Amino acid sequence: MRHTPDFSFAPEPVARYSGLAITLHWLLALLVIGLLGVGVWMTGLKTSPTKIAVYGWHKALGLTVLALAVLRLLWRVHRPPPPLAESIPAWQVALATQAHRAMYTLLLAMPLSGWLQNSAAGFPLTWFGLFKVPALIARDKAAFAFWQQAHEWLSWALMALIVLHVLAALKHHYLDRDDALKRILPWKP
């Protein structure tokens, strides 16, 4: 049998995340970035029906982020991410692993801290008015102050981690020219 050399210059196909993982990634990205922006803005609003409505939407979307983050984490356990390019140094792979763990931790901790803050304040909580969400703890001023502060600090930590995450993705795409970013893009590269 004769061997014919392959002279095609087509790039290797990119090992991509599953469609569900990609959808959850970008949906969570949009929701979280939006919630962080609205969270910073809404704290300066004067008490009014608008402020109450904005807080209600913020809380409902925060609970949605919590549910989607749990789903994303379960899916990640079921379908691990595709391997990174072999050209990426081991220390960067280790750093990326720790950054992803921190991101998942914050994606769970942020909505939980908001839920705990709301519970300690004694405010009723619903998911878009469709059903009541139970309080996680009893009404307590000291607990409210603690969870309010925790929610704020976690938000700043999440913002910083998002900035680092985006910068790392851009570095891999434009400087290293590897497939790290292409694996999670919503369209095929």
Protein backbone atom coordinates (compact mmCIF):
# COMPACT_ATOMS: atom_id res chain seq x y z
CA MET A 1 0.00 0.00 0.00
CA ARG A 2 1.31 3.35 -0.98
CA HIS A 3 1.59 6.18 1.59
CA THR A 4 0.58 9.57 0.31
CA PRO A 5 2.04 12.52 2.19
CA ASP A 6 -0.45 14.99 3.64
CA PHE A 7 0.35 18.46 2.35
CA SER A 8 -2.78 20.11 3.71
CA PHE A 9 -2.22 23.10 5.92
CA ALA A 10 -5.56 23.00 7.69
CA PRO A 11 -5.19 23.74 11.38
CA GLU A 12 -5.87 21.03 13.93
CA PRO A 13 -9.46 21.19 15.20
CA VAL A 14 -9.76 22.94 18.54
CA ALA A 15 -10.81 20.72 21.45
CA ARG A 16 -13.85 22.66 22.66
CA TYR A 17 -16.07 22.72 25.72
CA SER A 18 -19.51 21.15 25.31
CA GLY A 19 -22.37 23.31 24.06
CA LEU A 20 -23.98 23.36 27.51
CA ALA A 21 -20.71 24.38 29.19
CA ILE A 22 -20.22 27.20 26.67
CA THR A 23 -23.81 28.40 27.09
CA LEU A 24 -23.57 28.36 30.89
CA HIS A 25 -20.17 30.12 30.82
CA TRP A 26 -21.39 33.07 28.75
CA LEU A 27 -24.79 33.27 30.43
CA LEU A 28 -23.11 33.37 33.84
CA ALA A 29 -20.58 35.92 32.57
CA LEU A 30 -23.34 38.26 31.37
CA LEU A 31 -25.43 37.83 34.51
CA VAL A 32 -22.53 38.23 36.94
CA ILE A 33 -21.00 41.26 35.22
CA GLY A 34 -24.47 42.84 35.00
CA LEU A 35 -25.23 42.08 38.65
CA LEU A 36 -21.89 43.48 39.80
CA GLY A 37 -22.51 46.70 37.88
CA VAL A 38 -26.08 47.03 39.11
CA GLY A 39 -24.95 46.15 42.64
CA VAL A 40 -22.50 49.05 42.70
CA TRP A 41 -25.07 51.41 41.18
CA MET A 42 -28.11 50.45 43.27
CA THR A 43 -26.51 51.03 46.64
CA GLY A 44 -26.52 54.76 45.86
CA LEU A 45 -30.24 54.90 45.03
CA LYS A 46 -32.56 56.81 47.33
CA THR A 47 -35.37 54.79 48.91
CA SER A 48 -38.14 54.60 46.33
CA PRO A 49 -40.29 52.07 44.49
CA THR A 50 -37.56 51.95 41.81
CA LYS A 51 -34.92 51.00 44.38
CA ILE A 52 -37.16 48.26 45.80
CA ALA A 53 -37.81 46.90 42.28
CA VAL A 54 -34.10 46.98 41.37
CA TYR A 55 -33.19 45.17 44.59
CA GLY A 56 -35.89 42.57 43.88
CA TRP A 57 -34.51 41.89 40.40
CA HIS A 58 -30.94 41.84 41.75
CA LYS A 59 -31.88 39.23 44.35
CA ALA A 60 -33.84 37.05 41.88
CA LEU A 61 -31.02 37.16 39.34
CA GLY A 62 -28.52 36.41 42.12
CA LEU A 63 -30.49 33.27 42.98
CA THR A 64 -30.49 32.41 39.27
CA VAL A 65 -26.68 32.75 39.23
CA LEU A 66 -26.48 30.41 42.21
CA ALA A 67 -28.60 27.77 40.44
CA LEU A 68 -26.69 28.13 37.17
CA ALA A 69 -23.32 27.97 38.97
CA VAL A 70 -24.37 24.73 40.69
CA LEU A 71 -25.50 23.35 37.32
CA ARG A 72 -22.22 24.46 35.69
CA LEU A 73 -20.19 22.82 38.46
CA LEU A 74 -22.17 19.56 38.22
CA TRP A 75 -21.77 19.58 34.43
CA ARG A 76 -18.02 20.20 34.81
CA VAL A 77 -17.76 17.13 37.06
CA HIS A 78 -19.79 15.10 34.53
CA ARG A 79 -17.97 16.50 31.46
CA PRO A 80 -14.47 17.71 32.38
CA PRO A 81 -13.05 20.54 30.26
CA PRO A 82 -10.99 19.74 27.17
CA PRO A 83 -7.24 19.58 27.75
CA LEU A 84 -5.17 22.72 27.46
CA ALA A 85 -2.51 22.99 24.78
CA GLU A 86 0.71 21.19 25.66
CA SER A 87 2.60 24.43 24.97
CA ILE A 88 1.14 26.03 28.11
CA PRO A 89 3.67 25.79 30.96
CA ALA A 90 2.74 23.67 33.98
CA TRP A 91 2.80 26.68 36.33
CA GLN A 92 0.19 28.45 34.17
CA VAL A 93 -1.99 25.34 34.13
CA ALA A 94 -1.74 25.15 37.94
CA LEU A 95 -2.55 28.87 38.24
CA ALA A 96 -5.53 28.50 35.88
CA THR A 97 -6.80 25.56 37.94
CA GLN A 98 -6.63 27.61 41.15
CA ALA A 99 -8.25 30.62 39.47
CA HIS A 100 -11.14 28.47 38.22
CA ARG A 101 -11.62 27.00 41.70
CA ALA A 102 -11.66 30.51 43.16
CA MET A 103 -14.15 31.62 40.49
CA TYR A 104 -16.54 28.76 41.28
CA THR A 105 -16.17 29.43 45.00
CA LEU A 106 -17.07 33.09 44.48
CA LEU A 107 -19.94 32.24 42.10
CA LEU A 108 -21.45 30.22 44.94
CA ALA A 109 -20.41 32.48 47.84
CA MET A 110 -21.69 35.74 46.32
CA PRO A 111 -25.35 34.74 45.97
CA LEU A 112 -25.28 32.80 49.23
CA SER A 113 -23.92 35.84 51.10
CA GLY A 114 -26.66 37.99 49.52
CA TRP A 115 -29.30 35.44 50.51
CA LEU A 116 -27.91 35.34 54.07
CA GLN A 117 -27.85 39.17 54.17
CA ASN A 118 -31.46 39.32 53.01
CA SER A 119 -32.48 36.64 55.54
CA ALA A 120 -30.77 38.47 58.42
CA ALA A 121 -32.52 41.70 57.36
CA GLY A 122 -35.86 39.95 57.62
CA PHE A 123 -36.96 40.92 54.10
CA PRO A 124 -39.23 38.55 52.19
CA LEU A 125 -37.50 36.96 49.23
CA THR A 126 -39.14 35.67 46.07
CA TRP A 127 -37.82 34.42 42.78
CA PHE A 128 -39.29 36.92 40.30
CA GLY A 129 -42.52 36.87 42.33
CA LEU A 130 -43.18 33.26 41.28
CA PHE A 131 -42.45 31.61 44.62
CA LYS A 132 -41.16 32.46 48.07
CA VAL A 133 -37.58 31.60 48.93
CA PRO A 134 -37.06 30.54 52.55
CA ALA A 135 -34.81 32.51 54.89
CA LEU A 136 -31.50 30.80 55.65
CA ILE A 137 -31.14 32.40 59.09
CA ALA A 138 -33.33 34.32 61.52
CA ARG A 139 -33.53 38.11 61.52
CA ASP A 140 -30.43 39.47 63.26
CA LYS A 141 -28.84 42.95 63.02
CA ALA A 142 -25.29 41.74 63.71
CA ALA A 143 -25.59 38.93 61.17
CA PHE A 144 -27.02 41.39 58.65
CA ALA A 145 -24.01 43.72 59.09
CA PHE A 146 -21.61 40.77 58.75
CA TRP A 147 -23.23 39.36 55.59
CA GLN A 148 -23.61 42.79 54.06
CA GLN A 149 -19.87 43.39 54.50
CA ALA A 150 -19.06 39.87 53.26
CA HIS A 151 -21.22 40.37 50.16
CA GLU A 152 -19.42 43.62 49.36
CA TRP A 153 -15.92 42.17 49.84
CA LEU A 154 -16.78 39.09 47.83
CA SER A 155 -18.05 41.32 45.02
CA TRP A 156 -14.73 43.18 44.86
CA ALA A 157 -12.83 39.88 44.91
CA LEU A 158 -15.01 38.56 42.10
CA MET A 159 -14.50 41.72 40.04
CA ALA A 160 -10.73 41.41 40.44
CA LEU A 161 -10.81 37.73 39.48
CA ILE A 162 -12.94 38.46 36.41
CA VAL A 163 -10.45 41.10 35.26
CA LEU A 164 -7.57 38.62 35.69
CA HIS A 165 -9.58 35.90 33.91
CA VAL A 166 -10.26 38.17 30.91
CA LEU A 167 -6.65 39.38 30.78
CA ALA A 168 -5.37 35.79 30.88
CA ALA A 169 -7.74 34.78 28.07
CA LEU A 170 -6.62 37.73 25.93
CA LYS A 171 -2.94 36.98 26.67
CA HIS A 172 -3.39 33.38 25.54
CA HIS A 173 -5.27 34.44 22.42
CA TYR A 174 -3.21 37.41 21.23
CA LEU A 175 0.28 36.89 22.69
CA ASP A 176 0.64 33.12 23.04
CA ARG A 177 -1.66 32.40 20.07
CA ASP A 178 -2.88 29.16 21.60
CA ASP A 179 -6.40 27.70 21.69
CA ALA A 180 -7.24 28.48 25.34
CA LEU A 181 -9.86 31.11 24.45
CA LYS A 182 -11.13 29.37 21.31
CA ARG A 183 -12.26 26.39 23.42
CA ILE A 184 -15.01 28.44 25.13
CA LEU A 185 -16.08 30.85 22.36
CA PRO A 186 -19.78 30.58 21.49
CA TRP A 187 -18.90 30.25 17.80
CA LYS A 188 -16.50 27.82 16.21
CA PRO A 189 -13.12 29.39 15.43
